[in-house]
Protein backbone atom coordinates (compact mmCIF):
# COMPACT_ATOMS: atom_id res chain seq x y z
CA MET A 1 19.64 18.33 5.10
CA LYS A 2 18.87 18.59 8.81
CA ILE A 3 16.80 21.53 10.02
CA GLY A 4 17.71 22.82 13.47
CA GLY A 5 19.42 19.56 14.30
CA GLU A 6 16.33 17.52 13.37
CA ILE A 7 15.80 15.09 10.52
CA ASP A 8 14.37 16.67 7.37
CA LEU A 9 11.24 14.74 6.41
CA SER A 10 10.38 16.89 3.40
CA VAL A 11 10.27 15.32 -0.05
CA ASP A 12 10.69 16.73 -3.56
CA PHE A 13 8.35 14.60 -5.69
CA CYS A 14 8.23 15.56 -9.37
CA GLY A 15 9.21 19.10 -8.43
CA VAL A 16 6.41 19.37 -5.84
CA THR A 17 7.50 19.81 -2.21
CA PHE A 18 5.81 17.71 0.46
CA LYS A 19 6.30 18.59 4.16
CA ASN A 20 6.70 14.87 4.83
CA PRO A 21 6.17 11.72 2.74
CA PHE A 22 2.71 10.85 4.10
CA ILE A 23 -0.33 11.28 1.84
CA LEU A 24 -3.93 10.13 2.10
CA SER A 25 -4.73 7.90 -0.86
CA SER A 26 -7.83 8.23 -3.02
CA ALA A 27 -10.39 6.47 -0.81
CA PRO A 28 -13.13 7.05 1.78
CA PRO A 29 -10.83 9.25 3.96
CA THR A 30 -10.77 11.77 1.07
CA THR A 31 -14.47 11.68 0.23
CA THR A 32 -14.76 15.48 0.51
CA GLY A 33 -12.55 18.54 0.54
CA GLU A 34 -13.55 19.21 4.14
CA MET A 35 -12.17 15.82 5.17
CA MET A 36 -8.93 16.47 3.29
CA GLY A 37 -8.60 19.80 5.11
CA ARG A 38 -8.94 18.14 8.50
CA ALA A 39 -6.25 15.66 7.48
CA PHE A 40 -3.93 18.53 6.55
CA GLU A 41 -4.53 20.09 9.96
CA ALA A 42 -3.66 16.78 11.61
CA GLY A 43 -0.28 16.71 9.87
CA TRP A 44 -0.70 14.90 6.56
CA ALA A 45 1.43 16.48 3.83
CA GLY A 46 -0.92 15.75 0.96
CA ALA A 47 -4.09 13.99 -0.10
CA VAL A 48 -5.49 12.43 -3.25
CA THR A 49 -9.14 13.19 -3.99
CA LYS A 50 -11.67 10.44 -4.31
CA THR A 51 -11.53 9.54 -8.00
CA LEU A 52 -13.30 12.15 -10.14
CA VAL A 53 -15.42 11.25 -13.18
CA THR A 54 -17.39 13.22 -15.72
CA ASP A 55 -20.74 11.54 -14.94
CA ALA A 56 -20.81 11.36 -11.12
CA ALA A 57 -24.59 11.70 -11.14
CA ASN A 58 -24.79 8.14 -12.46
CA ILE A 59 -22.68 6.71 -9.62
CA VAL A 60 -24.80 4.96 -7.00
CA ASN A 61 -23.06 3.00 -4.25
CA VAL A 62 -24.55 -0.14 -2.74
CA THR A 63 -25.00 -0.73 1.00
CA PRO A 64 -23.23 -2.25 2.76
CA ARG A 65 -20.03 -2.07 0.72
CA LEU A 66 -17.29 -3.18 3.11
CA ALA A 67 -16.15 -6.48 4.58
CA SER A 68 -13.16 -7.12 6.85
CA LEU A 69 -10.67 -9.85 7.64
CA SER A 70 -9.90 -10.11 11.34
CA PHE A 71 -8.11 -12.52 13.68
CA PRO A 72 -8.63 -14.49 15.81
CA GLY A 73 -12.30 -13.86 15.03
CA PRO A 74 -15.31 -11.78 15.99
CA THR A 75 -16.06 -13.58 19.28
CA ASP A 76 -12.87 -15.15 20.69
CA GLU A 77 -10.95 -11.95 21.45
CA PRO A 78 -11.08 -8.23 20.64
CA LYS A 79 -11.08 -7.91 16.87
CA LYS A 80 -7.91 -6.91 15.03
CA ILE A 81 -8.54 -6.00 11.40
CA TYR A 82 -5.90 -7.09 8.91
CA ALA A 83 -7.71 -6.15 5.74
CA PHE A 84 -10.79 -4.54 4.25
CA GLU A 85 -12.58 -5.51 1.08
CA ASN A 86 -14.62 -2.76 -0.54
CA ILE A 87 -17.07 -2.67 -3.40
CA GLU A 88 -17.31 1.11 -3.31
CA LEU A 89 -17.18 3.03 -6.56
CA VAL A 90 -15.61 6.36 -7.49
CA THR A 91 -16.96 9.68 -6.20
CA ASP A 92 -20.67 10.33 -6.52
CA ARG A 93 -20.10 14.10 -6.19
CA GLU A 94 -20.21 16.32 -9.27
CA LEU A 95 -16.95 17.45 -10.83
CA SER A 96 -17.93 21.10 -10.39
CA ILE A 97 -18.20 20.60 -6.62
CA TRP A 98 -14.77 18.98 -6.48
CA LEU A 99 -13.15 21.72 -8.55
CA LYS A 100 -14.42 24.34 -6.11
CA GLU A 101 -13.13 22.30 -3.17
CA ILE A 102 -9.70 21.86 -4.78
CA GLU A 103 -9.55 25.61 -5.27
CA ASP A 104 -10.57 26.21 -1.64
CA LEU A 105 -8.03 23.70 -0.32
CA ARG A 106 -5.23 25.42 -2.20
CA LYS A 107 -6.19 28.78 -0.70
CA LYS A 108 -6.70 27.56 2.86
CA TYR A 109 -3.76 25.12 3.01
CA PRO A 110 -1.03 26.61 0.78
CA GLY A 111 1.68 24.40 2.29
CA HIS A 112 -0.08 21.13 1.50
CA VAL A 113 -0.32 19.11 -1.69
CA VAL A 114 -3.62 18.41 -3.46
CA ILE A 115 -3.59 15.53 -5.94
CA ALA A 116 -6.57 15.01 -8.23
CA SER A 117 -7.45 11.41 -9.07
CA ILE A 118 -9.34 11.08 -12.36
CA MET A 119 -10.87 8.25 -14.38
CA ASP A 120 -12.58 7.71 -17.71
CA ASP A 121 -12.59 4.90 -20.24
CA ALA A 122 -9.84 4.19 -22.75
CA SER A 123 -11.92 5.30 -25.74
CA LYS A 124 -12.35 8.89 -24.54
CA PRO A 125 -9.24 11.05 -24.76
CA ASP A 126 -11.38 14.14 -24.30
CA GLY A 127 -12.69 12.86 -20.99
CA TRP A 128 -9.23 12.39 -19.51
CA GLN A 129 -7.88 15.62 -20.95
CA ASP A 130 -10.82 17.84 -20.01
CA MET A 131 -10.85 16.64 -16.41
CA ALA A 132 -7.10 16.98 -16.10
CA LYS A 133 -7.20 20.54 -17.46
CA LYS A 134 -10.02 21.57 -15.13
CA CYS A 135 -8.23 20.08 -12.11
CA GLU A 136 -5.04 21.90 -13.09
CA GLU A 137 -6.96 25.18 -13.44
CA ALA A 138 -8.53 24.62 -10.02
CA GLY A 139 -5.07 24.33 -8.49
CA ALA A 140 -4.26 20.61 -8.25
CA HIS A 141 -0.53 20.03 -7.90
CA ILE A 142 -0.52 16.56 -9.50
CA ILE A 143 -2.92 14.43 -11.57
CA GLU A 144 -3.22 10.76 -10.60
CA LEU A 145 -4.61 8.47 -13.30
CA ASN A 146 -6.83 5.78 -11.78
CA MET A 147 -6.31 2.96 -14.26
CA SER A 148 -6.38 0.29 -11.58
CA CYS A 149 -9.65 -0.02 -9.64
CA PRO A 150 -10.47 -3.77 -9.72
CA HIS A 151 -14.24 -3.72 -9.24
CA GLY A 152 -17.26 -2.06 -10.80
CA MET A 153 -15.36 0.24 -13.12
CA PRO A 154 -13.62 -2.45 -15.27
CA GLU A 155 -17.07 -3.64 -16.29
CA MET A 156 -17.49 -0.20 -17.89
CA GLY A 157 -14.11 -0.28 -19.63
CA MET A 158 -12.40 1.71 -16.89
CA GLY A 159 -10.09 1.09 -13.92
CA SER A 160 -7.99 -2.06 -14.11
CA ALA A 161 -9.36 -2.79 -17.57
CA ILE A 162 -6.89 -0.07 -18.63
CA GLY A 163 -4.06 -0.84 -16.21
CA GLN A 164 -3.96 -4.48 -17.27
CA SER A 165 -3.16 -3.43 -20.84
CA VAL A 166 0.23 -1.95 -21.66
CA GLU A 167 -1.22 -0.36 -24.79
CA LEU A 168 -4.18 1.28 -23.05
CA ALA A 169 -2.14 2.46 -20.06
CA GLU A 170 0.40 4.04 -22.39
CA LYS A 171 -2.34 5.72 -24.41
CA VAL A 172 -4.16 7.22 -21.41
CA SER A 173 -0.87 8.46 -19.94
CA ARG A 174 0.11 10.15 -23.19
CA TRP A 175 -3.29 11.80 -23.64
CA THR A 176 -3.21 13.30 -20.16
CA VAL A 177 0.39 14.46 -20.28
CA GLU A 178 -0.33 16.30 -23.52
CA ALA A 179 -3.17 18.21 -21.89
CA VAL A 180 -1.55 19.65 -18.75
CA ASP A 181 1.65 21.22 -17.49
CA ILE A 182 1.54 19.72 -13.97
CA PRO A 183 2.98 16.25 -13.18
CA VAL A 184 0.94 13.20 -14.11
CA MET A 185 1.16 10.02 -12.03
CA ALA A 186 -0.18 6.66 -13.23
CA LYS A 187 -1.67 4.37 -10.57
CA MET A 188 -0.87 0.69 -11.06
CA THR A 189 -3.01 -2.38 -10.50
CA PRO A 190 -1.44 -5.42 -8.81
CA ASN A 191 -3.82 -7.63 -10.78
CA VAL A 192 -1.42 -7.96 -13.70
CA THR A 193 1.41 -10.27 -14.76
CA ASP A 194 4.21 -7.68 -14.91
CA VAL A 195 3.57 -4.37 -13.17
CA GLY A 196 7.03 -3.15 -14.15
CA LEU A 197 6.17 -3.46 -17.82
CA VAL A 198 3.01 -1.37 -17.45
CA ALA A 199 4.80 1.25 -15.34
CA LYS A 200 7.60 1.54 -17.89
CA ALA A 201 5.09 2.06 -20.70
CA CYS A 202 3.41 4.89 -18.77
CA ILE A 203 6.73 6.63 -18.10
CA GLN A 204 7.80 6.25 -21.73
CA ALA A 205 4.48 7.87 -22.69
CA GLY A 206 5.41 10.91 -20.63
CA ALA A 207 4.00 10.20 -17.16
CA HIS A 208 6.17 11.77 -14.48
CA ALA A 209 5.62 9.25 -11.68
CA ILE A 210 4.01 5.96 -10.69
CA SER A 211 1.79 5.15 -7.71
CA ALA A 212 1.49 1.52 -6.67
CA ILE A 213 -0.60 -0.31 -5.81
CA ASN A 214 -4.37 -0.11 -5.97
CA THR A 215 -6.43 -2.76 -4.20
CA VAL A 216 -6.08 -6.48 -4.92
CA GLY A 217 -9.06 -8.23 -6.52
CA ALA A 218 -10.69 -10.42 -3.88
CA ILE A 219 -13.71 -12.09 -2.35
CA MET A 220 -13.52 -11.70 1.43
CA GLY A 221 -15.55 -14.77 2.34
CA VAL A 222 -19.01 -16.26 2.65
CA ASP A 223 -21.54 -15.67 5.42
CA LEU A 224 -22.10 -19.22 6.63
CA GLU A 225 -25.56 -18.40 7.97
CA THR A 226 -26.97 -16.90 4.76
CA LEU A 227 -24.51 -18.58 2.34
CA VAL A 228 -24.08 -15.20 0.63
CA PRO A 229 -20.53 -13.97 -0.14
CA ARG A 230 -19.50 -10.94 1.91
CA PRO A 231 -20.43 -8.12 1.85
CA GLY A 232 -23.99 -9.18 1.13
CA VAL A 233 -26.26 -6.74 -0.68
CA ALA A 234 -29.90 -7.83 -0.67
CA GLY A 235 -28.87 -11.47 -0.93
CA TYR A 236 -26.06 -11.08 -3.48
CA SER A 237 -22.46 -9.89 -3.59
CA SER A 238 -19.64 -9.11 -6.01
CA HIS A 239 -15.86 -9.32 -6.00
CA GLY A 240 -14.11 -6.24 -4.66
CA GLY A 241 -10.76 -4.71 -3.76
CA LEU A 242 -8.65 -5.93 -0.84
CA SER A 243 -6.64 -3.37 1.15
CA GLY A 244 -4.82 -3.11 4.45
CA ALA A 245 -1.95 -4.96 6.12
CA ALA A 246 -2.72 -8.19 4.26
CA ILE A 247 -1.62 -6.70 0.92
CA LYS A 248 1.61 -5.06 2.11
CA PRO A 249 3.89 -7.86 0.83
CA ILE A 250 2.23 -7.63 -2.61
CA ALA A 251 2.64 -3.86 -2.62
CA LEU A 252 6.29 -4.02 -1.55
CA LYS A 253 7.09 -6.43 -4.38
CA ALA A 254 5.32 -4.17 -6.87
CA VAL A 255 7.21 -1.07 -5.70
CA ALA A 256 10.55 -2.89 -5.88
CA THR A 257 9.71 -4.33 -9.30
CA ILE A 258 8.85 -0.88 -10.65
CA ALA A 259 11.95 0.70 -9.10
CA GLN A 260 14.13 -1.91 -10.78
CA ALA A 261 12.31 -1.61 -14.11
CA VAL A 262 12.31 2.16 -14.61
CA LYS A 263 13.93 5.18 -12.98
CA THR A 264 11.00 7.30 -11.79
CA PRO A 265 9.48 8.71 -8.60
CA ILE A 266 7.18 6.16 -6.93
CA SER A 267 4.35 6.77 -4.49
CA GLY A 268 3.99 3.60 -2.44
CA ILE A 269 0.54 2.34 -1.47
CA GLY A 270 -0.73 -0.83 0.18
CA GLY A 271 -0.91 -1.80 3.83
CA ILE A 272 1.00 1.15 5.30
CA GLY A 273 -0.12 1.62 8.89
CA THR A 274 3.04 1.99 10.97
CA TRP A 275 6.34 3.82 10.69
CA GLU A 276 8.00 0.44 10.11
CA ASP A 277 5.79 -0.12 7.06
CA ALA A 278 6.69 3.35 5.82
CA ALA A 279 10.43 2.72 6.20
CA GLU A 280 10.17 -0.53 4.25
CA PHE A 281 8.44 1.14 1.31
CA LEU A 282 11.04 3.91 1.22
CA LEU A 283 13.93 1.45 1.36
CA LEU A 284 12.47 -0.46 -1.59
CA GLY A 285 12.11 2.58 -3.83
CA ALA A 286 9.08 4.69 -2.88
CA SER A 287 9.62 8.35 -2.04
CA THR A 288 6.08 9.27 -0.95
CA LEU A 289 3.64 7.05 0.94
CA GLN A 290 -0.13 6.83 0.54
CA VAL A 291 -2.30 5.54 3.38
CA CYS A 292 -5.96 4.51 3.50
CA SER A 293 -7.04 1.43 5.50
CA ALA A 294 -5.13 2.34 8.66
CA VAL A 295 -6.88 5.72 8.67
CA MET A 296 -10.23 4.02 8.12
CA ALA A 297 -9.59 1.95 11.25
CA GLN A 298 -7.81 4.51 13.45
CA GLY A 299 -8.38 8.00 12.07
CA TYR A 300 -6.20 10.84 10.82
CA GLY A 301 -4.38 11.01 14.18
CA ILE A 302 -2.06 8.10 13.33
CA ILE A 303 0.09 10.62 11.46
CA GLU A 304 1.78 11.61 14.73
CA ASP A 305 3.15 8.11 15.35
CA LEU A 306 4.10 7.75 11.69
CA LEU A 307 6.15 10.94 11.76
CA ASP A 308 7.75 10.35 15.16
CA GLY A 309 8.62 6.75 14.44
CA LEU A 310 10.08 7.43 11.02
CA GLN A 311 12.16 10.33 12.30
CA ASN A 312 13.54 8.24 15.18
CA PHE A 313 14.41 5.44 12.78
CA MET A 314 16.22 7.81 10.46
CA GLU A 315 18.21 9.26 13.34
CA ASP A 316 19.14 5.76 14.51
CA LYS A 317 20.27 4.71 11.02
CA GLU A 318 21.87 8.10 10.30
CA PHE A 319 19.67 9.03 7.35
CA ASP A 320 19.53 12.82 7.11
CA THR A 321 16.77 13.02 4.49
CA ILE A 322 14.02 10.85 3.04
CA GLN A 323 15.91 10.73 -0.27
CA ASP A 324 18.87 9.15 1.54
CA MET A 325 16.64 6.16 2.32
CA VAL A 326 14.93 5.71 -1.03
CA GLY A 327 15.88 2.42 -2.67
CA VAL A 328 18.71 1.56 -0.27
CA SER A 329 17.53 -2.05 0.10
CA LEU A 330 17.09 -2.71 -3.62
CA GLU A 331 20.70 -3.83 -4.05
CA LYS A 332 19.97 -6.62 -1.56
CA LEU A 333 17.30 -8.08 -3.86
CA VAL A 334 18.73 -10.78 -6.13
CA GLY A 335 17.47 -13.75 -8.07
CA GLN A 336 16.71 -16.86 -6.01
CA THR A 337 19.51 -18.76 -7.74
CA ASP A 338 21.96 -16.06 -6.60
CA LEU A 339 21.28 -16.62 -2.89
CA SER A 340 24.02 -18.34 -0.87
CA ARG A 341 23.76 -22.08 -0.31
CA GLU A 342 26.75 -21.97 2.02
CA ALA A 343 25.34 -19.79 4.81
CA ARG A 344 23.50 -22.17 7.16
CA VAL A 345 21.41 -21.48 10.26
CA ALA A 346 19.44 -23.61 12.70
CA SER A 347 16.85 -22.98 15.38
CA SER A 348 17.82 -21.96 18.93
CA ILE A 349 15.21 -21.80 21.72
CA ASN A 350 15.47 -19.60 24.84
CA GLU A 351 14.20 -21.87 27.62
CA GLU A 352 13.80 -18.94 30.02
CA THR A 353 11.17 -17.22 27.91
CA CYS A 354 9.54 -20.38 26.49
CA VAL A 355 5.91 -20.81 27.60
CA LYS A 356 5.83 -24.53 26.68
CA CYS A 357 2.91 -24.19 24.31
CA ASP A 358 4.15 -27.02 22.04
CA LEU A 359 3.46 -25.02 18.88
CA CYS A 360 7.04 -25.23 17.62
CA TYR A 361 7.11 -28.96 18.28
CA VAL A 362 3.85 -29.59 16.43
CA SER A 363 4.72 -27.41 13.44
CA CYS A 364 8.15 -28.98 13.04
CA ARG A 365 6.69 -32.49 13.44
CA ASP A 366 3.89 -32.04 10.91
CA ALA A 367 5.27 -29.44 8.48
CA GLY A 368 9.03 -29.48 9.05
CA TYR A 369 11.84 -31.98 9.59
CA GLN A 370 11.04 -33.45 13.00
CA ALA A 371 13.98 -31.62 14.55
CA ILE A 372 12.22 -30.58 17.79
CA SER A 373 11.44 -32.95 20.64
CA LEU A 374 9.96 -32.31 24.10
CA LYS A 375 11.47 -32.93 27.53
CA GLU A 376 9.28 -34.43 30.26
CA ASP A 377 8.32 -30.91 31.40
CA ARG A 378 7.39 -30.05 27.76
CA THR A 379 10.41 -27.81 27.19
CA PRO A 380 11.30 -28.04 23.47
CA VAL A 381 14.76 -29.20 22.41
CA VAL A 382 16.23 -28.66 18.95
CA ASP A 383 18.37 -31.29 17.24
CA ARG A 384 20.54 -28.89 15.25
CA GLU A 385 21.86 -31.77 13.15
CA LYS A 386 18.35 -32.49 11.87
CA CYS A 387 17.21 -28.83 11.67
CA THR A 388 17.33 -27.52 8.10
CA GLY A 389 16.89 -23.88 9.08
CA CYS A 390 13.50 -23.32 7.47
CA SER A 391 12.50 -20.97 10.38
CA LEU A 392 8.87 -22.16 10.61
CA CYS A 393 9.16 -22.65 14.37
CA MET A 394 10.41 -19.07 14.85
CA HIS A 395 7.39 -17.64 13.06
CA ILE A 396 4.89 -19.92 14.83
CA CYS A 397 6.24 -19.13 18.31
CA PRO A 398 3.92 -16.68 20.16
CA VAL A 399 6.78 -15.19 22.21
CA TRP A 400 8.93 -12.54 20.51
CA ASP A 401 12.60 -13.59 20.19
CA CYS A 402 12.14 -16.82 22.11
CA ILE A 403 13.22 -18.73 19.00
CA THR A 404 15.99 -17.36 16.84
CA MET A 405 17.92 -18.68 13.86
CA THR A 406 21.63 -18.85 14.63
CA PRO A 407 24.59 -19.81 12.42
CA ILE A 408 25.73 -23.42 12.28
CA GLU A 409 29.42 -23.75 12.90
CA THR A 410 31.09 -25.26 9.88
CA LYS A 411 34.12 -27.51 10.19
């Protein structure tokens, strides 16, 4: 419902009330309880701890442990980061320290949600259960099962080594649910053939919700001076986890796949940095939204734009509550063979806004259907009889809305 004439951004997620759908995911922005507290003060509704383990004393991170993907490059123009790759491990802080901080966060920020991320290997039910119980006793609202980290931990039988197995994911979910009375949320890896199948197994085992996705397994690149893959650590590197805007399409597909496979609350993760991103995740089935990379690049303060933008969008589209939005676009997802072959469009170019860069002409000539030619003054002209409506030119064009796809009149 609306509160005082304003949109209600609150969310009921597994019986836990969030002031708004925005949560910090388990990552560097939640390295300590103090950091989580500052995020709460900035306006974030909840936060997931850095992943807790029973043997944090054995966790030693390498340096450096981040690489980034940016365009157009480090020297041509100011850098814009599209993705991070990290080879960072779980928390290196003792469980006892975290339990005290969870307890303190609950006391100091009673209106905010604390989610405890935990991890162990699939042969240790006691590890999962003991940590979950202790986090519950400390005051955590929800347990998130990290069965999806793609680097470092799988080599020890943890992380995505569990999430890539339906049997192991089901087993870990069941163990944890049996140990606590608070909701348990299983975090999915995208590095799997059918994420919906794994999510369904976790829910059938008793998990109350799914979070998706963790980072995508990746190698960011190679330093062409040293010939060492990035990030280089004393002359060597290792594959890591890709995050940020570059993985948003993968995350959206995973969320939609899970929403179509099983009826359960979903916490969407992966490339959320703007209110538009947030709206897309909600429309495809998520009801809370976890953010990491955008905060790493811009800080906790982005929450203001996220909240304002989402509220304005909801007012414009006449959504009164977050729940009104959840999954609305799923009915528009069909099999490729079910898409219309009768609806036809072709390219139209606005000559008044065209900057005559030739990009549409070149792309259509060398990767399209040679439907664009150039006038003597280099103004592009579309032969709508030859245009097949692929839309490549529209995406290549550097000017917003200069090229649009318009219906072809049928006889």
